[in-house]
C-alpha cells in the first residue's frame, strides 16, 4: 500500500514510518524539516521517500500525494501550545499547524484521490485536571482547558467535516501522553535521564498524580490496525490508551526496576491537588482488536534505547 505520513519527524510519525516500511508498504514521509533528525535515527530501512513540505502548503502537498499515488494519508503533524496568550487561542504556531494543517491535509488528500484519512488527536481535548472518577470514553463531552486543547478539538472537527464533505473515509485516533525512544521530554524521559545520569541523587515525584502513559509502539500498532480494517474503522473516533492509569511514583519505580538502579524516591513534601486522567480504549479493543503492552514492557524498550545512546 502507498501510505503518506505527515509529521514524520515527530515521535509517532517517525516510528510509524519505520513500522510501515518494515511491513513492506511504500511510505512517503512528510515533514517541514529539511533535516529530519528523528527519521534518520529511527528509520533504518530503505522503503520510504521523504518530502520536506509544510502541510499548510496545500498545493505542494496535493502534488506530492498524486506523484506518489498515495492511498492512505496518516496525519501525525501536531505542535504544542508554547505559552502564547491564552485569551487569543488562534495566535501561535499551534493553531496554524493543528487546525490549518489538518484542513490543508484533508483537502489535499481528497483532491489527490486518497482513499482513506487517519487523523491523530490527543487527550488535551479534555480538562486534564478534572480528576475524573473513571477513564473517559469517546462519548464524553470535550472540555479543553488551554489553547492547545482547543486547537486539537477544532482540528478533529475540521478534519472530520472536510472528509465527510469529500466522501473520503476517515478515522480519528486520540492518544494520552506518549513516551518512547526518540522522545527526550516528558515525565518518563525525565525519570530515565535521572537514573542514568544521577542515580545517587533522590528523584522527587508526585505520588498522587495518576495518568495514562502510552508507549509509542502501541500508538503505532493502533494505526496499523486501522490500516488493516479501513472499512470497519471508517467514521470512528478511537481512544488509544494503556488501559490503566498509574501514579507518577509507580512510573518512577518501574524505571528504576527496569534500569536495575536503586534510586531514592522521597515522599511528597508539598503534594499537589489529586489528579487522575485516563482514556477508555475498550472501543478500540472491540472493533480493532487493539491491545496495549504493559508499562514495564514499554519502559524497558525505552530504556534499552536510551542506555545505548552515549
Protein backbone atom coordinates (compact mmCIF):
# COMPACT_ATOMS: atom_id res chain seq x y z
CA UNK A 1 0.00 0.00 0.00
CA UNK A 2 1.19 3.55 -0.72
CA UNK A 3 0.97 5.48 2.56
CA UNK A 4 1.89 9.06 3.43
CA UNK A 5 2.72 10.11 7.00
CA UNK A 6 2.73 13.79 7.92
CA UNK A 7 4.63 14.90 11.00
CA UNK A 8 7.06 12.13 10.10
CA UNK A 9 9.88 13.75 12.04
CA UNK A 10 7.86 13.52 15.26
CA UNK A 11 7.76 10.70 17.77
CA UNK A 12 4.73 8.77 16.48
CA UNK A 13 5.36 9.71 12.85
CA UNK A 14 8.97 8.55 12.87
CA UNK A 15 8.24 5.19 14.48
CA UNK A 16 5.23 4.73 12.20
CA UNK A 17 7.36 5.26 9.09
CA UNK A 18 9.75 2.61 10.39
CA UNK A 19 6.98 0.10 11.13
CA UNK A 20 5.24 0.60 7.79
CA UNK A 21 8.42 0.24 5.74
CA UNK A 22 9.30 -2.93 7.68
CA UNK A 23 5.84 -4.23 6.72
CA UNK A 24 6.73 -3.63 3.04
CA UNK A 25 4.46 -0.63 2.50
CA UNK A 26 5.72 2.18 0.27
CA UNK A 27 5.90 5.16 2.58
CA UNK A 28 6.12 8.87 1.87
CA UNK A 29 7.41 10.65 4.98
CA UNK A 30 6.37 14.31 5.11
CA UNK A 31 7.74 16.96 7.44
CA UNK A 32 8.59 20.64 7.19
CA UNK A 33 12.09 19.88 8.48
CA UNK A 34 14.87 19.89 5.90
CA UNK A 35 16.98 17.70 8.22
CA UNK A 36 14.72 15.01 9.74
CA UNK A 37 16.80 14.03 12.77
CA UNK A 38 14.35 11.56 14.30
CA UNK A 39 13.76 9.81 10.99
CA UNK A 40 17.46 9.44 10.34
CA UNK A 41 17.96 7.89 13.78
CA UNK A 42 14.93 5.59 13.84
CA UNK A 43 14.27 4.53 10.27
CA UNK A 44 16.92 2.13 9.04
CA UNK A 45 15.05 0.55 6.11
CA UNK A 46 15.01 1.91 2.58
CA UNK A 47 11.38 1.57 1.51
CA UNK A 48 10.48 5.20 2.12
CA UNK A 49 10.72 8.57 0.43
CA UNK A 50 10.93 11.98 2.08
CA UNK A 51 9.31 15.30 1.21
CA UNK A 52 10.16 18.49 3.11
CA UNK A 53 6.77 20.21 2.90
CA UNK A 54 4.80 22.46 5.22
CA UNK A 55 1.41 20.75 5.40
CA UNK A 56 -0.25 24.16 5.23
CA UNK A 57 1.06 24.38 1.65
CA UNK A 58 -1.96 22.59 0.25
CA UNK A 59 -0.89 22.74 -3.41
CA UNK A 60 2.53 21.25 -2.74
CA UNK A 61 1.01 18.57 -0.54
CA UNK A 62 -1.57 17.65 -3.16
CA UNK A 63 1.10 17.38 -5.87
CA UNK A 64 3.32 15.05 -3.87
CA UNK A 65 0.37 12.84 -2.88
CA UNK A 66 -0.57 12.48 -6.53
CA UNK A 67 3.04 11.91 -7.57
CA UNK A 68 3.45 9.03 -5.13
CA UNK A 69 -0.04 7.64 -5.76
CA UNK A 70 -0.88 7.75 -2.08
CA UNK A 71 -3.80 5.58 -0.99
CA UNK A 72 -3.90 6.46 2.72
CA UNK A 73 -2.77 9.65 4.44
CA UNK A 74 -1.94 9.43 8.16
CA UNK A 75 -1.95 12.89 9.71
CA UNK A 76 0.50 12.94 12.65
CA UNK A 77 1.64 16.56 12.43
CA UNK A 78 0.96 18.41 15.68
CA UNK A 79 2.52 21.31 17.56
CA UNK A 80 2.01 22.09 21.24
CA UNK A 81 0.99 25.47 22.57
CA UNK A 82 4.04 27.22 23.99
CA UNK A 83 2.62 29.90 26.26
CA UNK A 84 1.07 32.36 23.83
CA UNK A 85 -1.85 34.50 25.02
CA UNK A 86 -4.46 32.04 26.33
CA UNK A 87 -7.27 34.51 25.66
CA UNK A 88 -6.35 34.59 21.95
CA UNK A 89 -6.07 30.87 21.14
CA UNK A 90 -5.75 31.40 17.39
CA UNK A 91 -2.45 33.18 17.86
CA UNK A 92 0.59 30.97 17.63
CA UNK A 93 2.06 28.23 15.51
CA UNK A 94 0.00 25.55 17.30
CA UNK A 95 -3.19 26.81 15.65
CA UNK A 96 -1.58 27.07 12.23
CA UNK A 97 -0.25 23.52 12.31
CA UNK A 98 -3.01 21.77 14.26
CA UNK A 99 -6.07 23.40 12.69
CA UNK A 100 -4.99 24.91 9.37
CA UNK A 101 -2.64 21.99 8.78
CA UNK A 102 -5.38 19.42 9.40
CA UNK A 103 -7.68 21.26 6.99
CA UNK A 104 -4.96 21.51 4.36
CA UNK A 105 -4.10 17.81 4.70
CA UNK A 106 -7.72 16.72 4.43
CA UNK A 107 -8.42 18.88 1.37
CA UNK A 108 -5.19 17.82 -0.33
CA UNK A 109 -5.93 14.15 0.35
CA UNK A 110 -9.43 14.43 -1.08
CA UNK A 111 -8.21 16.28 -4.16
CA UNK A 112 -5.47 13.68 -4.70
CA UNK A 113 -7.95 10.80 -4.63
CA UNK A 114 -6.66 9.34 -1.36
CA UNK A 115 -8.97 6.52 -0.29
CA UNK A 116 -8.73 7.00 3.49
CA UNK A 117 -7.58 9.61 6.01
CA UNK A 118 -6.34 8.83 9.55
CA UNK A 119 -6.10 11.81 11.88
CA UNK A 120 -4.08 11.86 15.12
CA UNK A 121 -5.54 13.68 18.10
CA UNK A 122 -4.74 13.95 21.79
CA UNK A 123 -6.09 13.87 25.33
CA UNK A 124 -5.89 17.69 25.60
CA UNK A 125 -9.43 17.84 24.24
CA UNK A 126 -10.36 17.17 27.89
CA UNK A 127 -9.60 19.09 31.08
CA UNK A 128 -6.70 17.02 32.38
CA UNK A 129 -7.11 18.45 35.88
CA UNK A 130 -10.75 17.40 36.05
CA UNK A 131 -9.83 14.45 38.33
CA UNK A 132 -12.23 12.07 36.58
CA UNK A 133 -13.53 9.15 38.60
CA UNK A 134 -13.22 6.83 35.59
CA UNK A 135 -11.46 6.60 32.25
CA UNK A 136 -13.08 8.94 29.73
CA UNK A 137 -14.81 7.46 26.69
CA UNK A 138 -15.26 8.73 23.17
CA UNK A 139 -18.80 9.78 24.14
CA UNK A 140 -17.72 12.07 26.99
CA UNK A 141 -18.03 15.77 26.14
CA UNK A 142 -14.77 17.52 25.32
CA UNK A 143 -13.67 20.30 27.65
CA UNK A 144 -10.32 21.80 26.61
CA UNK A 145 -8.70 23.87 29.35
CA UNK A 146 -5.95 25.59 27.35
CA UNK A 147 -5.30 26.80 23.76
CA UNK A 148 -3.57 23.64 22.62
CA UNK A 149 -6.55 21.54 23.65
CA UNK A 150 -8.90 23.87 21.84
CA UNK A 151 -6.83 23.66 18.66
CA UNK A 152 -6.88 19.85 18.86
CA UNK A 153 -10.68 19.83 19.23
CA UNK A 154 -11.14 22.15 16.25
CA UNK A 155 -8.67 20.07 14.22
CA UNK A 156 -10.72 16.94 14.88
CA UNK A 157 -13.90 18.67 13.77
CA UNK A 158 -12.24 20.25 10.75
CA UNK A 159 -10.71 17.00 9.52
CA UNK A 160 -13.97 15.11 10.02
CA UNK A 161 -16.07 17.79 8.36
CA UNK A 162 -13.87 18.05 5.26
CA UNK A 163 -13.54 14.27 4.92
CA UNK A 164 -17.31 13.85 5.10
CA UNK A 165 -17.89 16.62 2.56
CA UNK A 166 -15.44 14.94 0.19
CA UNK A 167 -16.85 11.47 0.77
CA UNK A 168 -13.44 10.31 1.99
CA UNK A 169 -13.43 7.63 4.74
CA UNK A 170 -11.66 8.89 7.85
CA UNK A 171 -10.70 7.69 11.32
CA UNK A 172 -9.58 9.71 14.35
CA UNK A 173 -7.19 8.31 16.96
CA UNK A 174 -6.87 10.09 20.33
CA UNK A 175 -3.78 9.47 22.44
CA UNK A 176 -2.79 10.22 26.04
CA UNK A 177 0.79 11.19 26.89
CA UNK A 178 3.17 9.17 24.72
CA UNK A 179 6.69 8.11 25.63
CA UNK A 180 9.32 6.02 23.90
CA UNK A 181 12.67 6.01 22.11
CA UNK A 182 13.30 9.37 20.50
CA UNK A 183 11.34 11.46 23.00
CA UNK A 184 13.55 13.47 25.34
CA UNK A 185 10.78 15.44 27.04
CA UNK A 186 8.03 14.36 29.41
CA UNK A 187 7.92 12.57 32.75
CA UNK A 188 9.15 9.14 31.62
CA UNK A 189 12.13 10.66 29.80
CA UNK A 190 12.96 12.78 32.85
CA UNK A 191 12.97 9.71 35.09
CA UNK A 192 15.18 7.71 32.72
CA UNK A 193 17.61 10.59 32.33
CA UNK A 194 17.81 10.91 36.12
CA UNK A 195 18.54 7.23 36.81
CA UNK A 196 21.11 7.19 34.02
CA UNK A 197 22.95 10.38 34.89
CA UNK A 198 22.29 10.91 38.62
CA UNK A 199 21.41 7.59 40.27
CA UNK A 200 22.92 8.71 43.59
CA UNK A 201 20.53 11.66 43.91
CA UNK A 202 16.88 11.38 45.08
CA UNK A 203 14.21 11.56 42.39
CA UNK A 204 11.23 13.63 43.51
CA UNK A 205 7.83 12.64 42.12
CA UNK A 206 4.19 13.40 42.89
CA UNK A 207 2.63 10.19 44.16
CA UNK A 208 -0.98 11.43 43.96
CA UNK A 209 -0.81 12.31 40.26
CA UNK A 210 -2.20 9.48 38.13
CA UNK A 211 -2.11 9.45 34.33
CA UNK A 212 -2.32 7.28 31.23
CA UNK A 213 1.19 6.63 29.86
CA UNK A 214 1.23 5.19 26.33
CA UNK A 215 4.27 3.53 24.78
CA UNK A 216 4.87 4.81 21.24
CA UNK A 217 4.86 1.25 19.91
CA UNK A 218 1.20 0.91 20.90
CA UNK A 219 0.29 4.16 19.12
CA UNK A 220 1.98 2.79 16.01
CA UNK A 221 0.19 -0.54 16.37
CA UNK A 222 -3.18 1.24 16.53
CA UNK A 223 -2.51 2.95 13.20
CA UNK A 224 -1.54 -0.38 11.65
CA UNK A 225 -4.76 -1.96 12.93
CA UNK A 226 -6.78 0.84 11.31
CA UNK A 227 -4.97 0.23 8.02
CA UNK A 228 -5.88 -3.44 8.24
CA UNK A 229 -9.56 -2.64 8.86
CA UNK A 230 -10.22 0.57 6.92
CA UNK A 231 -13.88 -0.21 6.27
CA UNK A 232 -14.65 -1.17 9.87
CA UNK A 233 -12.72 1.84 11.22
CA UNK A 234 -14.23 4.41 8.85
CA UNK A 235 -16.14 7.17 10.57
CA UNK A 236 -14.97 6.18 14.06
CA UNK A 237 -13.13 8.03 16.79
CA UNK A 238 -10.99 5.72 18.92
CA UNK A 239 -9.26 6.29 22.25
CA UNK A 240 -5.84 4.65 22.16
CA UNK A 241 -4.66 4.33 25.76
CA UNK A 242 -2.75 1.97 28.02
CA UNK A 243 -5.91 0.51 29.66
CA UNK A 244 -4.95 1.90 33.06
CA UNK A 245 -3.89 4.97 34.98
CA UNK A 246 -0.78 4.79 37.12
CA UNK A 247 0.80 7.18 39.58
CA UNK A 248 3.93 9.04 38.66
CA UNK A 249 5.57 7.29 41.60
CA UNK A 250 4.77 3.90 40.05
CA UNK A 251 6.30 5.07 36.79
CA UNK A 252 9.47 6.16 38.58
CA UNK A 253 9.66 2.85 40.45
CA UNK A 254 9.20 0.95 37.18
CA UNK A 255 12.00 2.94 35.57
CA UNK A 256 14.33 2.12 38.47
CA UNK A 257 13.42 -1.57 38.31
CA UNK A 258 13.83 -1.85 34.54
CA UNK A 259 17.10 0.09 34.64
CA UNK A 260 18.34 -2.04 37.56
CA UNK A 261 19.15 1.08 39.52
CA UNK A 262 18.37 1.82 43.15
CA UNK A 263 17.26 5.44 43.38
CA UNK A 264 15.70 7.09 46.41
CA UNK A 265 12.10 8.23 45.84
CA UNK A 266 11.27 10.55 48.77
CA UNK A 267 7.70 11.19 49.84
CA UNK A 268 5.99 14.38 48.67
CA UNK A 269 6.84 17.39 50.81
CA UNK A 270 4.10 19.58 49.30
CA UNK A 271 1.61 17.37 47.43
CA UNK A 272 -0.30 18.94 44.57
CA UNK A 273 -4.04 18.53 44.17
CA UNK A 274 -5.13 15.00 43.27
CA UNK A 275 -5.18 14.31 39.58
CA UNK A 276 -6.40 11.25 37.69
CA UNK A 277 -6.82 11.01 33.95
CA UNK A 278 -7.01 8.11 31.53
CA UNK A 279 -8.61 7.12 28.24
CA UNK A 280 -11.05 4.24 27.95
CA UNK A 281 -9.81 2.23 24.95
CA UNK A 282 -12.40 -0.56 25.08
CA UNK A 283 -13.95 0.57 21.79
CA UNK A 284 -10.60 0.18 20.01
CA UNK A 285 -10.21 -3.23 21.62
CA UNK A 286 -13.67 -4.31 20.48
CA UNK A 287 -13.56 -3.05 16.88
CA UNK A 288 -9.85 -3.08 16.02
CA UNK A 289 -8.50 -5.77 18.31
CA UNK A 290 -6.21 -3.22 19.97
CA UNK A 291 -4.23 -4.48 22.97
CA UNK A 292 -1.55 -2.28 24.57
CA UNK A 293 1.62 -3.58 26.20
CA UNK A 294 2.37 -3.29 29.90
CA UNK A 295 4.07 -0.27 31.42
CA UNK A 296 7.15 -2.32 32.28
CA UNK A 297 7.46 -3.55 28.68
CA UNK A 298 7.23 -0.06 27.20
CA UNK A 299 9.68 1.41 29.69
CA UNK A 300 12.11 -1.48 29.16
CA UNK A 301 12.06 -0.83 25.42
CA UNK A 302 12.65 2.87 26.00
CA UNK A 303 15.46 2.32 28.49
CA UNK A 304 17.20 -0.12 26.16
CA UNK A 305 17.40 2.59 23.50
CA UNK A 306 18.23 5.36 25.99
CA UNK A 307 21.10 3.49 27.66
CA UNK A 308 22.59 2.50 24.30
CA UNK A 309 22.84 6.19 23.35
CA UNK A 310 26.05 7.92 24.50
